[in-house]
Amino acid sequence: QVQLVESGGGLVQAGGSLRLSCAVSGLIFSIKTRAWYRQAPGKQRELVASITNAGTTNYGDSVKDRFTISKDNTKNTVDLQMNSLKPEDTAVYYCNTQWGSSYRNSWGQGTQVTVSA
């Protein structure tokens, strides 16, 4: 199993920045990818950003050039730096990993990000 705990959410004004962090524990050696997803009220959960073990990143179109995903293998964390935040970035943000030979999903409990206009 892989366990995930997010931190760093909160309320910020449009144009501001926040940094989310996800602490990863458990079968870390089996992790294939790390990612952040978000879900706004009434909408489906969507991919924000992902990073592979080799460091290859992928971003959702709406956050490109504003958000940066990174991982720290010594601290076992995966962070999401969010700049130039917009009200439409308001959502619950979830940390995700895919692990094991069958790419099982693990999810954190989520952290609320609210961007005021």
N, C-alpha and C. Protein backbone atom coordinates (compact mmCIF):
# COMPACT_ATOMS: atom_id res chain seq x y z
N GLN A 1 0.83 -1.19 0.00
CA GLN A 1 0.00 0.00 0.00
C GLN A 1 0.87 1.25 0.00
N VAL A 2 0.30 2.32 -0.52
CA VAL A 2 0.95 3.63 -0.49
C VAL A 2 -0.02 4.60 0.18
N GLN A 3 0.49 5.36 1.13
CA GLN A 3 -0.34 6.34 1.84
C GLN A 3 0.11 7.75 1.47
N LEU A 4 -0.87 8.63 1.35
CA LEU A 4 -0.61 10.01 0.93
C LEU A 4 -1.32 10.98 1.85
N VAL A 5 -0.60 12.04 2.24
CA VAL A 5 -1.18 13.08 3.09
C VAL A 5 -0.82 14.44 2.51
N GLU A 6 -1.87 15.20 2.11
CA GLU A 6 -1.65 16.51 1.52
C GLU A 6 -1.64 17.61 2.59
N SER A 7 -0.98 18.71 2.25
CA SER A 7 -1.00 19.89 3.09
C SER A 7 -0.76 21.11 2.21
N GLY A 8 -1.09 22.30 2.75
CA GLY A 8 -0.75 23.54 2.06
C GLY A 8 -1.90 24.26 1.39
N GLY A 9 -3.11 23.72 1.44
CA GLY A 9 -4.23 24.42 0.84
C GLY A 9 -4.61 25.65 1.65
N GLY A 10 -5.55 26.41 1.10
CA GLY A 10 -6.02 27.60 1.81
C GLY A 10 -6.72 28.58 0.90
N LEU A 11 -6.88 29.79 1.41
CA LEU A 11 -7.55 30.87 0.68
C LEU A 11 -6.51 31.87 0.20
N VAL A 12 -6.60 32.24 -1.07
CA VAL A 12 -5.64 33.19 -1.65
C VAL A 12 -6.39 34.07 -2.65
N GLN A 13 -5.90 35.28 -2.83
CA GLN A 13 -6.50 36.19 -3.81
C GLN A 13 -6.01 35.84 -5.21
N ALA A 14 -6.81 36.18 -6.19
CA ALA A 14 -6.42 35.96 -7.58
C ALA A 14 -5.07 36.63 -7.85
N GLY A 15 -4.22 35.91 -8.57
CA GLY A 15 -2.88 36.40 -8.85
C GLY A 15 -1.85 35.94 -7.86
N GLY A 16 -2.30 35.37 -6.75
CA GLY A 16 -1.39 34.90 -5.71
C GLY A 16 -0.85 33.52 -5.98
N SER A 17 -0.11 33.01 -5.00
CA SER A 17 0.55 31.71 -5.12
C SER A 17 0.27 30.85 -3.89
N LEU A 18 0.30 29.55 -4.11
CA LEU A 18 0.23 28.57 -3.03
C LEU A 18 1.12 27.40 -3.40
N ARG A 19 1.61 26.72 -2.38
CA ARG A 19 2.39 25.50 -2.61
C ARG A 19 1.76 24.37 -1.84
N LEU A 20 1.38 23.32 -2.56
CA LEU A 20 0.83 22.12 -1.95
C LEU A 20 1.94 21.08 -1.81
N SER A 21 1.87 20.32 -0.74
CA SER A 21 2.83 19.25 -0.53
C SER A 21 2.11 17.97 -0.19
N CYS A 22 2.66 16.86 -0.65
CA CYS A 22 2.08 15.54 -0.40
C CYS A 22 3.18 14.64 0.17
N ALA A 23 2.96 14.16 1.38
CA ALA A 23 3.89 13.23 2.01
C ALA A 23 3.51 11.81 1.62
N VAL A 24 4.48 11.08 1.12
CA VAL A 24 4.25 9.73 0.60
C VAL A 24 4.91 8.72 1.53
N SER A 25 4.20 7.65 1.86
CA SER A 25 4.77 6.60 2.69
C SER A 25 4.25 5.25 2.22
N GLY A 26 4.88 4.18 2.72
CA GLY A 26 4.47 2.84 2.34
C GLY A 26 5.41 2.25 1.31
N LEU A 27 4.84 1.59 0.30
CA LEU A 27 5.63 0.89 -0.71
C LEU A 27 6.15 1.86 -1.76
N ILE A 28 7.01 2.76 -1.32
CA ILE A 28 7.48 3.85 -2.18
C ILE A 28 8.25 3.30 -3.38
N PHE A 29 8.97 2.21 -3.19
CA PHE A 29 9.79 1.66 -4.26
C PHE A 29 8.94 1.18 -5.44
N SER A 30 7.65 0.93 -5.19
CA SER A 30 6.77 0.41 -6.23
C SER A 30 6.03 1.49 -7.02
N ILE A 31 6.26 2.76 -6.65
CA ILE A 31 5.53 3.85 -7.29
C ILE A 31 6.00 4.05 -8.73
N LYS A 32 5.05 4.19 -9.64
CA LYS A 32 5.34 4.44 -11.06
C LYS A 32 5.22 5.92 -11.40
N THR A 33 4.12 6.54 -10.97
CA THR A 33 3.92 7.97 -11.25
C THR A 33 3.34 8.64 -10.01
N ARG A 34 3.54 9.95 -9.94
CA ARG A 34 2.96 10.81 -8.91
C ARG A 34 2.20 11.92 -9.60
N ALA A 35 1.10 12.33 -9.03
CA ALA A 35 0.28 13.32 -9.73
C ALA A 35 -0.56 14.12 -8.75
N TRP A 36 -1.05 15.25 -9.25
CA TRP A 36 -2.05 16.04 -8.55
C TRP A 36 -3.28 16.13 -9.44
N TYR A 37 -4.44 15.91 -8.84
CA TYR A 37 -5.73 16.07 -9.49
C TYR A 37 -6.52 17.13 -8.71
N ARG A 38 -7.59 17.60 -9.33
CA ARG A 38 -8.47 18.51 -8.61
C ARG A 38 -9.92 18.26 -9.02
N GLN A 39 -10.81 18.62 -8.11
CA GLN A 39 -12.23 18.47 -8.38
C GLN A 39 -12.97 19.68 -7.84
N ALA A 40 -13.59 20.41 -8.75
CA ALA A 40 -14.41 21.56 -8.38
C ALA A 40 -15.85 21.10 -8.19
N PRO A 41 -16.64 21.84 -7.43
CA PRO A 41 -18.04 21.46 -7.21
C PRO A 41 -18.79 21.26 -8.52
N GLY A 42 -19.47 20.12 -8.66
CA GLY A 42 -20.26 19.85 -9.84
C GLY A 42 -19.47 19.44 -11.06
N LYS A 43 -18.16 19.27 -10.90
CA LYS A 43 -17.32 18.89 -12.04
C LYS A 43 -16.61 17.58 -11.76
N GLN A 44 -16.13 16.96 -12.83
CA GLN A 44 -15.37 15.73 -12.69
C GLN A 44 -13.95 16.02 -12.21
N ARG A 45 -13.36 15.04 -11.57
CA ARG A 45 -11.97 15.16 -11.16
C ARG A 45 -11.10 15.22 -12.42
N GLU A 46 -10.13 16.13 -12.41
CA GLU A 46 -9.28 16.30 -13.59
C GLU A 46 -7.80 16.29 -13.21
N LEU A 47 -6.98 15.85 -14.14
CA LEU A 47 -5.54 15.84 -13.91
C LEU A 47 -5.01 17.27 -13.96
N VAL A 48 -4.22 17.62 -12.96
CA VAL A 48 -3.55 18.92 -12.92
C VAL A 48 -2.13 18.77 -13.45
N ALA A 49 -1.39 17.82 -12.88
CA ALA A 49 -0.01 17.61 -13.28
C ALA A 49 0.44 16.23 -12.82
N SER A 50 1.40 15.67 -13.55
CA SER A 50 1.97 14.38 -13.17
C SER A 50 3.46 14.39 -13.40
N ILE A 51 4.16 13.49 -12.71
CA ILE A 51 5.60 13.37 -12.87
C ILE A 51 5.98 11.91 -12.72
N THR A 52 6.83 11.44 -13.64
CA THR A 52 7.27 10.05 -13.59
C THR A 52 8.51 9.92 -12.71
N ASN A 53 8.94 8.68 -12.49
CA ASN A 53 10.15 8.45 -11.72
C ASN A 53 11.37 9.09 -12.39
N ALA A 54 11.34 9.16 -13.70
CA ALA A 54 12.45 9.76 -14.44
C ALA A 54 12.38 11.28 -14.46
N GLY A 55 11.28 11.84 -13.94
CA GLY A 55 11.16 13.29 -13.88
C GLY A 55 10.40 13.92 -15.04
N THR A 56 9.85 13.12 -15.90
CA THR A 56 9.05 13.65 -17.00
C THR A 56 7.73 14.18 -16.47
N THR A 57 7.40 15.41 -16.84
CA THR A 57 6.19 16.04 -16.32
C THR A 57 5.13 16.20 -17.42
N ASN A 58 3.90 16.30 -16.95
CA ASN A 58 2.77 16.51 -17.86
C ASN A 58 1.78 17.41 -17.13
N TYR A 59 1.21 18.38 -17.84
CA TYR A 59 0.31 19.34 -17.21
C TYR A 59 -1.01 19.45 -17.96
N GLY A 60 -2.07 19.72 -17.21
CA GLY A 60 -3.33 20.04 -17.84
C GLY A 60 -3.23 21.37 -18.58
N ASP A 61 -3.99 21.52 -19.65
CA ASP A 61 -3.87 22.71 -20.47
C ASP A 61 -4.14 23.99 -19.68
N SER A 62 -5.05 23.92 -18.72
CA SER A 62 -5.46 25.13 -18.01
C SER A 62 -4.42 25.61 -17.00
N VAL A 63 -3.42 24.80 -16.69
CA VAL A 63 -2.44 25.19 -15.68
C VAL A 63 -1.03 25.31 -16.23
N LYS A 64 -0.85 24.98 -17.51
CA LYS A 64 0.49 25.07 -18.11
C LYS A 64 1.04 26.48 -17.94
N ASP A 65 2.32 26.56 -17.65
CA ASP A 65 3.05 27.81 -17.47
C ASP A 65 2.71 28.54 -16.18
N ARG A 66 1.80 27.97 -15.37
CA ARG A 66 1.48 28.58 -14.08
C ARG A 66 1.82 27.66 -12.91
N PHE A 67 1.65 26.37 -13.09
CA PHE A 67 1.88 25.39 -12.03
C PHE A 67 3.13 24.57 -12.34
N THR A 68 3.80 24.13 -11.29
CA THR A 68 4.98 23.28 -11.43
C THR A 68 4.91 22.13 -10.44
N ILE A 69 5.03 20.91 -10.94
CA ILE A 69 5.08 19.73 -10.08
C ILE A 69 6.53 19.32 -9.90
N SER A 70 6.85 18.86 -8.67
CA SER A 70 8.21 18.40 -8.40
C SER A 70 8.15 17.30 -7.35
N LYS A 71 9.21 16.51 -7.30
CA LYS A 71 9.28 15.45 -6.30
C LYS A 71 10.64 15.49 -5.63
N ASP A 72 10.65 15.10 -4.37
CA ASP A 72 11.88 15.03 -3.60
C ASP A 72 12.01 13.60 -3.10
N ASN A 73 12.93 12.86 -3.69
CA ASN A 73 13.06 11.45 -3.36
C ASN A 73 13.65 11.23 -1.96
N THR A 74 14.37 12.21 -1.44
CA THR A 74 14.94 12.05 -0.10
C THR A 74 13.91 12.30 0.98
N LYS A 75 13.00 13.23 0.71
CA LYS A 75 11.94 13.55 1.67
C LYS A 75 10.67 12.77 1.41
N ASN A 76 10.60 12.09 0.25
CA ASN A 76 9.40 11.34 -0.14
C ASN A 76 8.18 12.26 -0.18
N THR A 77 8.35 13.34 -0.91
CA THR A 77 7.25 14.28 -1.09
C THR A 77 7.07 14.59 -2.58
N VAL A 78 5.86 15.02 -2.90
CA VAL A 78 5.59 15.54 -4.24
C VAL A 78 4.83 16.85 -4.05
N ASP A 79 5.36 17.91 -4.60
CA ASP A 79 4.82 19.24 -4.40
C ASP A 79 4.20 19.82 -5.66
N LEU A 80 3.32 20.77 -5.45
CA LEU A 80 2.70 21.49 -6.57
C LEU A 80 2.79 22.98 -6.26
N GLN A 81 3.64 23.68 -7.00
CA GLN A 81 3.75 25.12 -6.87
C GLN A 81 2.76 25.77 -7.82
N MET A 82 1.85 26.57 -7.27
CA MET A 82 0.79 27.19 -8.07
C MET A 82 0.96 28.70 -8.05
N ASN A 83 1.21 29.27 -9.20
CA ASN A 83 1.38 30.71 -9.35
C ASN A 83 0.26 31.29 -10.21
N SER A 84 0.11 32.60 -10.13
CA SER A 84 -0.89 33.31 -10.94
C SER A 84 -2.26 32.63 -10.83
N LEU A 85 -2.66 32.37 -9.60
CA LEU A 85 -3.91 31.63 -9.39
C LEU A 85 -5.11 32.43 -9.84
N LYS A 86 -6.10 31.68 -10.33
CA LYS A 86 -7.34 32.27 -10.84
C LYS A 86 -8.52 31.70 -10.04
N PRO A 87 -9.64 32.41 -10.00
CA PRO A 87 -10.82 31.86 -9.29
C PRO A 87 -11.22 30.48 -9.82
N GLU A 88 -11.02 30.24 -11.08
CA GLU A 88 -11.38 28.93 -11.64
C GLU A 88 -10.45 27.80 -11.20
N ASP A 89 -9.39 28.13 -10.48
CA ASP A 89 -8.52 27.10 -9.89
C ASP A 89 -9.08 26.59 -8.56
N THR A 90 -10.15 27.21 -8.08
CA THR A 90 -10.77 26.78 -6.83
C THR A 90 -11.28 25.35 -6.95
N ALA A 91 -10.83 24.49 -6.03
CA ALA A 91 -11.18 23.08 -6.07
C ALA A 91 -10.56 22.38 -4.86
N VAL A 92 -10.94 21.13 -4.68
CA VAL A 92 -10.22 20.26 -3.76
C VAL A 92 -9.12 19.58 -4.57
N TYR A 93 -7.91 19.67 -4.08
CA TYR A 93 -6.76 19.11 -4.77
C TYR A 93 -6.36 17.79 -4.10
N TYR A 94 -6.14 16.78 -4.93
CA TYR A 94 -5.82 15.44 -4.44
C TYR A 94 -4.46 14.99 -4.96
N CYS A 95 -3.69 14.43 -4.07
CA CYS A 95 -2.44 13.78 -4.44
C CYS A 95 -2.76 12.35 -4.88
N ASN A 96 -2.03 11.88 -5.87
CA ASN A 96 -2.28 10.54 -6.41
C ASN A 96 -0.96 9.86 -6.75
N THR A 97 -0.90 8.57 -6.52
CA THR A 97 0.20 7.78 -7.04
C THR A 97 -0.36 6.54 -7.74
N GLN A 98 0.36 6.09 -8.73
CA GLN A 98 0.09 4.78 -9.33
C GLN A 98 1.29 3.90 -8.98
N TRP A 99 0.99 2.71 -8.44
CA TRP A 99 2.06 1.87 -7.92
C TRP A 99 1.79 0.42 -8.20
N GLY A 100 2.87 -0.35 -8.12
CA GLY A 100 2.75 -1.79 -8.32
C GLY A 100 2.68 -2.16 -9.80
N SER A 101 2.77 -3.45 -10.05
CA SER A 101 2.80 -3.95 -11.42
C SER A 101 1.48 -3.70 -12.15
N SER A 102 0.40 -3.55 -11.41
CA SER A 102 -0.90 -3.31 -12.02
C SER A 102 -1.32 -1.84 -11.96
N TYR A 103 -0.39 -0.97 -11.60
CA TYR A 103 -0.65 0.47 -11.55
C TYR A 103 -1.88 0.80 -10.71
N ARG A 104 -1.88 0.31 -9.49
CA ARG A 104 -2.98 0.63 -8.57
C ARG A 104 -2.92 2.10 -8.18
N ASN A 105 -4.08 2.66 -7.92
CA ASN A 105 -4.17 4.07 -7.52
C ASN A 105 -4.29 4.21 -6.01
N SER A 106 -3.55 5.16 -5.47
CA SER A 106 -3.75 5.61 -4.10
C SER A 106 -4.05 7.10 -4.14
N TRP A 107 -4.93 7.54 -3.21
CA TRP A 107 -5.34 8.94 -3.16
C TRP A 107 -5.17 9.49 -1.76
N GLY A 108 -4.84 10.77 -1.69
CA GLY A 108 -4.86 11.45 -0.42
C GLY A 108 -6.27 11.88 -0.08
N GLN A 109 -6.41 12.53 1.08
CA GLN A 109 -7.73 12.94 1.54
C GLN A 109 -8.22 14.22 0.89
N GLY A 110 -7.32 14.94 0.24
CA GLY A 110 -7.67 16.18 -0.44
C GLY A 110 -7.42 17.40 0.42
N THR A 111 -7.11 18.50 -0.25
CA THR A 111 -6.92 19.78 0.44
C THR A 111 -7.61 20.87 -0.37
N GLN A 112 -8.34 21.74 0.32
CA GLN A 112 -9.14 22.76 -0.35
C GLN A 112 -8.27 23.95 -0.75
N VAL A 113 -8.42 24.37 -1.98
CA VAL A 113 -7.80 25.61 -2.47
C VAL A 113 -8.92 26.52 -2.94
N THR A 114 -8.97 27.71 -2.38
CA THR A 114 -9.99 28.68 -2.75
C THR A 114 -9.31 29.96 -3.21
N VAL A 115 -9.64 30.41 -4.42
CA VAL A 115 -9.06 31.62 -4.98
C VAL A 115 -10.17 32.66 -5.12
N SER A 116 -10.02 33.76 -4.43
CA SER A 116 -11.03 34.81 -4.47
C SER A 116 -10.72 35.82 -5.57
N ALA A 117 -11.77 36.38 -6.13
CA ALA A 117 -11.59 37.33 -7.24
C ALA A 117 -11.09 38.68 -6.75
